[in-house]
N, C-alpha and C. Protein backbone atom coordinates (compact mmCIF):
# COMPACT_ATOMS: atom_id res chain seq x y z
N MET A 1 -17.47 62.89 7.47
CA MET A 1 -17.07 61.94 6.22
C MET A 1 -18.21 62.75 4.77
N PRO A 2 -17.41 63.04 3.69
CA PRO A 2 -18.60 63.25 3.02
C PRO A 2 -19.18 61.96 2.51
N LYS A 3 -20.63 62.66 1.53
CA LYS A 3 -21.31 61.51 1.65
C LYS A 3 -20.83 60.23 0.12
N PHE A 4 -19.77 60.97 -0.43
CA PHE A 4 -19.23 60.30 -1.66
C PHE A 4 -18.20 59.07 -1.16
N GLU A 5 -17.67 59.43 -0.31
CA GLU A 5 -16.63 58.73 0.49
C GLU A 5 -17.36 57.34 1.01
N MET A 6 -18.78 57.64 1.50
CA MET A 6 -19.50 56.65 2.36
C MET A 6 -19.84 55.43 1.26
N GLU A 7 -20.12 56.45 0.23
CA GLU A 7 -20.84 55.40 -0.93
C GLU A 7 -19.84 54.30 -1.11
N SER A 8 -18.74 54.75 -1.31
CA SER A 8 -17.11 54.15 -2.17
C SER A 8 -16.60 53.12 -0.87
N MET A 9 -17.24 53.47 0.21
CA MET A 9 -16.70 52.37 1.23
C MET A 9 -17.99 51.30 1.41
N THR A 10 -19.27 51.88 1.06
CA THR A 10 -20.07 50.88 0.95
C THR A 10 -20.01 49.76 -0.16
N GLU A 11 -19.32 50.09 -1.29
CA GLU A 11 -19.02 49.46 -2.50
C GLU A 11 -17.88 48.25 -2.23
N VAL A 12 -17.20 48.83 -1.45
CA VAL A 12 -15.56 48.58 -1.19
C VAL A 12 -16.18 47.17 -0.35
N ARG A 13 -16.86 47.69 0.67
CA ARG A 13 -17.07 46.17 1.64
C ARG A 13 -18.33 45.38 0.92
N SER A 14 -18.94 45.61 0.07
CA SER A 14 -19.83 44.50 -0.59
C SER A 14 -19.30 44.09 -1.36
N ALA A 15 -18.36 44.72 -2.43
CA ALA A 15 -17.54 43.49 -3.51
C ALA A 15 -16.97 42.54 -2.13
N PHE A 16 -16.14 43.16 -0.95
CA PHE A 16 -14.94 42.18 -0.11
C PHE A 16 -15.94 40.68 0.00
N PHE A 17 -17.67 41.43 0.44
CA PHE A 17 -18.31 40.20 1.20
C PHE A 17 -19.27 39.39 -0.09
N GLU A 18 -18.84 39.61 -0.95
CA GLU A 18 -19.34 38.98 -2.24
C GLU A 18 -18.32 37.94 -2.53
N ARG A 19 -17.09 38.43 -2.26
CA ARG A 19 -15.93 37.35 -2.87
C ARG A 19 -15.77 36.68 -1.81
N ARG A 20 -15.87 36.84 -0.63
CA ARG A 20 -15.90 35.96 0.56
C ARG A 20 -17.18 34.96 0.51
N ARG A 21 -18.49 35.30 0.27
CA ARG A 21 -19.44 34.07 -0.22
C ARG A 21 -19.30 33.76 -1.32
N LEU A 22 -18.68 33.98 -2.63
CA LEU A 22 -17.74 32.80 -3.43
C LEU A 22 -17.09 32.33 -2.83
N ARG A 23 -16.04 32.99 -2.17
CA ARG A 23 -14.82 31.73 -1.54
C ARG A 23 -15.35 30.43 -0.96
N ARG A 24 -16.66 31.24 0.33
CA ARG A 24 -17.33 30.04 0.64
C ARG A 24 -18.14 29.02 0.04
N ILE A 25 -18.62 29.03 -1.01
CA ILE A 25 -19.50 28.35 -2.31
C ILE A 25 -18.30 27.64 -2.55
N ARG A 26 -17.32 28.19 -3.08
CA ARG A 26 -16.18 27.45 -4.07
C ARG A 26 -15.86 25.80 -2.98
N MET A 27 -15.38 26.40 -1.90
CA MET A 27 -14.82 25.79 -0.81
C MET A 27 -16.12 24.62 -0.41
N ILE A 28 -17.61 24.76 -0.37
CA ILE A 28 -18.25 23.95 -0.30
C ILE A 28 -18.25 22.98 -0.92
N VAL A 29 -18.46 23.63 -2.65
CA VAL A 29 -18.00 22.33 -3.42
C VAL A 29 -17.11 21.67 -3.24
N GLU A 30 -15.82 22.40 -3.47
CA GLU A 30 -14.66 21.18 -3.28
C GLU A 30 -14.62 20.41 -2.49
N LEU A 31 -14.96 20.86 -1.01
CA LEU A 31 -14.98 19.68 -0.24
C LEU A 31 -16.27 18.69 -0.28
N THR A 32 -17.56 18.69 -0.86
CA THR A 32 -18.11 18.00 -1.09
C THR A 32 -17.22 16.93 -2.28
N MET A 33 -17.00 17.55 -3.24
CA MET A 33 -16.58 16.80 -4.31
C MET A 33 -15.41 16.16 -3.82
N ASN A 34 -14.22 16.64 -2.77
CA ASN A 34 -13.47 15.71 -2.52
C ASN A 34 -14.17 14.57 -1.52
N LEU A 35 -15.07 14.44 -0.51
CA LEU A 35 -15.36 13.53 0.15
C LEU A 35 -16.07 12.74 -0.51
N VAL A 36 -17.03 12.90 -1.59
CA VAL A 36 -17.85 11.81 -2.59
C VAL A 36 -17.21 11.10 -3.20
N GLY A 37 -16.21 11.94 -4.05
CA GLY A 37 -14.99 11.26 -4.89
C GLY A 37 -13.75 10.61 -4.49
N GLY A 38 -13.27 10.92 -3.42
CA GLY A 38 -12.24 10.55 -2.79
C GLY A 38 -12.18 9.36 -1.57
N ASP A 39 -13.20 10.05 -0.61
CA ASP A 39 -13.53 9.01 0.51
C ASP A 39 -14.17 7.62 -0.02
N GLU A 40 -13.43 5.90 0.15
CA GLU A 40 -14.07 5.32 -0.20
C GLU A 40 -15.16 4.58 0.59
N THR A 41 -14.77 5.10 2.01
CA THR A 41 -16.08 4.90 2.78
C THR A 41 -17.30 5.59 3.02
N VAL A 42 -17.88 6.53 2.11
CA VAL A 42 -18.82 6.87 1.73
C VAL A 42 -19.79 6.10 0.81
N THR A 43 -21.17 5.85 1.13
CA THR A 43 -22.14 4.91 0.43
C THR A 43 -23.11 6.09 -0.01
N TYR A 44 -23.40 5.54 -1.26
CA TYR A 44 -24.08 6.08 -2.03
C TYR A 44 -25.40 7.20 -1.51
N ARG A 45 -25.83 6.40 -0.53
CA ARG A 45 -26.80 7.38 -0.02
C ARG A 45 -26.25 8.92 0.86
N GLU A 46 -25.13 8.34 1.49
CA GLU A 46 -24.34 9.56 2.01
C GLU A 46 -23.62 10.57 1.24
N ALA A 47 -23.49 10.15 0.06
CA ALA A 47 -23.42 11.03 -0.93
C ALA A 47 -23.91 12.14 -1.37
N CYS A 48 -24.95 11.31 -1.28
CA CYS A 48 -26.00 11.89 -1.76
C CYS A 48 -26.74 13.32 -0.98
N CYS A 49 -26.84 12.57 0.49
CA CYS A 49 -27.14 13.75 1.63
C CYS A 49 -26.09 14.16 1.79
N LEU A 50 -24.75 14.30 1.18
CA LEU A 50 -23.71 15.02 1.32
C LEU A 50 -23.89 15.84 0.35
N ILE A 51 -24.39 15.74 -0.87
CA ILE A 51 -24.44 16.77 -1.86
C ILE A 51 -25.76 18.13 -1.79
N GLU A 52 -26.99 17.18 -1.23
CA GLU A 52 -28.32 17.69 -0.91
C GLU A 52 -27.92 19.02 -0.02
N CYS A 53 -27.11 18.63 0.82
CA CYS A 53 -26.49 19.56 2.03
C CYS A 53 -26.06 20.70 1.45
N ALA A 54 -24.89 20.32 0.54
CA ALA A 54 -24.10 21.06 0.23
C ALA A 54 -25.48 22.18 -0.69
N ARG A 55 -26.18 21.70 -1.13
CA ARG A 55 -27.20 22.92 -2.21
C ARG A 55 -27.77 23.84 -1.26
N LYS A 56 -28.28 23.14 0.02
CA LYS A 56 -28.97 23.86 0.67
C LYS A 56 -28.06 25.06 1.42
N ALA A 57 -26.62 24.51 1.74
CA ALA A 57 -25.65 25.66 2.05
C ALA A 57 -25.27 26.74 0.96
N ILE A 58 -25.22 26.27 0.07
CA ILE A 58 -25.00 27.18 -0.70
C ILE A 58 -26.25 28.03 -1.22
N LEU A 59 -27.49 27.52 -1.39
CA LEU A 59 -28.41 28.72 -1.70
C LEU A 59 -29.06 29.58 -0.24
N ASP A 60 -28.29 28.86 0.91
CA ASP A 60 -28.51 29.91 2.21
C ASP A 60 -27.96 31.01 1.88
N LEU A 61 -26.58 30.55 1.58
CA LEU A 61 -24.93 31.47 1.52
C LEU A 61 -26.01 32.50 0.16
N HIS A 62 -26.22 32.22 -0.54
CA HIS A 62 -26.24 32.83 -1.85
C HIS A 62 -27.76 32.41 -2.92
N PRO A 63 -29.08 33.07 -2.14
CA PRO A 63 -30.26 32.41 -2.99
C PRO A 63 -30.54 32.49 -4.25
N SER A 64 -29.42 33.67 -4.74
CA SER A 64 -29.86 33.56 -6.12
C SER A 64 -29.10 33.09 -7.32
N PHE A 65 -28.20 32.21 -6.53
CA PHE A 65 -27.24 30.93 -7.11
C PHE A 65 -28.19 29.86 -7.68
N ALA A 66 -29.08 30.13 -7.60
CA ALA A 66 -30.03 28.50 -7.92
C ALA A 66 -29.94 28.48 -9.40
N ASP A 67 -30.01 29.22 -10.33
CA ASP A 67 -29.84 28.74 -11.52
C ASP A 67 -28.26 28.33 -12.09
N ARG A 68 -27.29 29.06 -11.18
CA ARG A 68 -25.93 28.57 -11.51
C ARG A 68 -25.45 27.70 -11.20
N TYR A 69 -25.90 27.06 -9.84
CA TYR A 69 -26.35 25.61 -8.99
C TYR A 69 -26.35 24.77 -10.16
N GLU A 70 -27.52 25.15 -10.74
CA GLU A 70 -28.00 23.93 -11.74
C GLU A 70 -27.16 23.76 -13.01
N ARG A 71 -26.85 24.73 -13.47
CA ARG A 71 -25.97 24.80 -14.81
C ARG A 71 -24.64 24.39 -14.26
N ILE A 72 -24.21 24.90 -13.45
CA ILE A 72 -22.66 24.61 -13.11
C ILE A 72 -22.10 23.27 -11.98
N VAL A 73 -22.72 23.84 -10.81
CA VAL A 73 -22.21 22.64 -9.94
C VAL A 73 -22.82 21.50 -10.19
N ARG A 74 -24.17 21.18 -10.53
CA ARG A 74 -24.86 19.77 -10.12
C ARG A 74 -24.56 18.70 -11.19
N PRO A 75 -23.96 19.35 -12.69
CA PRO A 75 -23.56 18.31 -13.35
C PRO A 75 -21.91 18.12 -12.78
N HIS A 76 -21.42 18.63 -12.13
CA HIS A 76 -20.00 18.35 -11.35
C HIS A 76 -20.55 16.99 -10.23
N PHE A 77 -21.44 17.46 -9.79
CA PHE A 77 -21.79 16.28 -8.85
C PHE A 77 -22.37 14.89 -9.44
N GLU A 78 -23.23 14.76 -10.50
CA GLU A 78 -23.77 13.92 -10.69
C GLU A 78 -22.78 13.00 -11.46
N ARG A 79 -21.46 13.93 -12.19
CA ARG A 79 -20.44 13.55 -13.12
C ARG A 79 -19.54 12.21 -11.60
N ILE A 80 -19.61 12.97 -10.84
CA ILE A 80 -18.73 12.14 -9.52
C ILE A 80 -19.50 10.93 -9.41
N LEU A 81 -20.97 11.27 -9.19
CA LEU A 81 -22.15 9.94 -8.61
C LEU A 81 -21.63 8.64 -9.81
N ALA A 82 -21.73 9.29 -10.77
CA ALA A 82 -21.66 8.19 -11.88
C ALA A 82 -20.73 7.36 -12.03
N GLN A 83 -19.09 8.21 -11.85
CA GLN A 83 -18.05 7.78 -11.95
C GLN A 83 -17.65 6.67 -10.94
N ARG A 84 -18.52 7.19 -9.81
CA ARG A 84 -18.26 6.10 -8.50
C ARG A 84 -19.01 4.62 -8.48
N TRP A 85 -20.31 5.29 -8.43
CA TRP A 85 -21.25 4.46 -8.78
C TRP A 85 -22.27 4.13 -9.75
N PRO A 86 -21.67 3.63 -10.95
CA PRO A 86 -22.21 3.81 -12.20
C PRO A 86 -23.57 3.20 -12.59
N HIS A 87 -23.66 1.66 -11.78
CA HIS A 87 -25.31 1.40 -11.74
C HIS A 87 -26.06 1.74 -11.16
N ALA A 88 -26.03 2.39 -9.91
CA ALA A 88 -26.84 3.42 -9.32
C ALA A 88 -27.93 4.36 -9.28
N GLU A 89 -28.24 4.66 -10.85
CA GLU A 89 -28.67 5.87 -11.62
C GLU A 89 -30.19 5.56 -10.64
N LEU A 90 -30.41 4.53 -10.83
CA LEU A 90 -31.92 3.88 -10.44
C LEU A 90 -32.01 4.20 -8.89
N LEU A 91 -31.24 3.97 -8.39
CA LEU A 91 -30.91 3.83 -6.59
C LEU A 91 -31.15 5.18 -6.04
N ARG A 92 -31.20 6.45 -6.77
CA ARG A 92 -30.97 7.32 -6.44
C ARG A 92 -32.08 8.07 -5.60
N PRO A 93 -32.00 8.20 -4.00
CA PRO A 93 -32.96 8.01 -2.89
C PRO A 93 -33.81 9.53 -3.07
N SER A 94 -35.27 9.46 -2.73
CA SER A 94 -36.01 10.48 -2.74
C SER A 94 -35.55 11.34 -1.46
N PRO A 95 -36.06 12.69 -1.70
CA PRO A 95 -35.50 13.64 -0.71
C PRO A 95 -36.06 13.79 0.81
N CYS A 96 -37.29 12.29 0.36
CA CYS A 96 -37.97 11.97 2.17
C CYS A 96 -36.69 11.15 2.60
N GLU A 97 -35.71 10.41 1.82
CA GLU A 97 -34.81 9.29 2.36
C GLU A 97 -33.49 9.81 2.71
N LEU A 98 -33.24 11.02 2.72
CA LEU A 98 -32.04 11.77 2.56
C LEU A 98 -32.28 12.16 3.84
N VAL A 99 -30.90 11.50 4.94
CA VAL A 99 -30.48 11.40 6.00
C VAL A 99 -30.00 13.07 6.55
N ASN A 100 -30.36 13.92 7.38
CA ASN A 100 -29.86 14.56 7.53
C ASN A 100 -29.30 15.23 9.05
């Protein structure tokens, strides 16, 4: 197989893996948002733990996604927390209190 064909296969493969990784990130975010926003049995502390676990999973999948997470994903999570628990702003648990 000529070298140029091998390089194009690598590009196709990397694009495929990148799309798959982004789909997984999107799935993690949507699942977490649905659990936190829709499940009435989830407590505030559990919601914060779910969000923290989602953040860790996203950054494990795509370590360079940290800046995008802070700009795009985190505000969505904070909005859902504020809608469900409007007075819990002061009760946000410290990272050492998170259950995992």
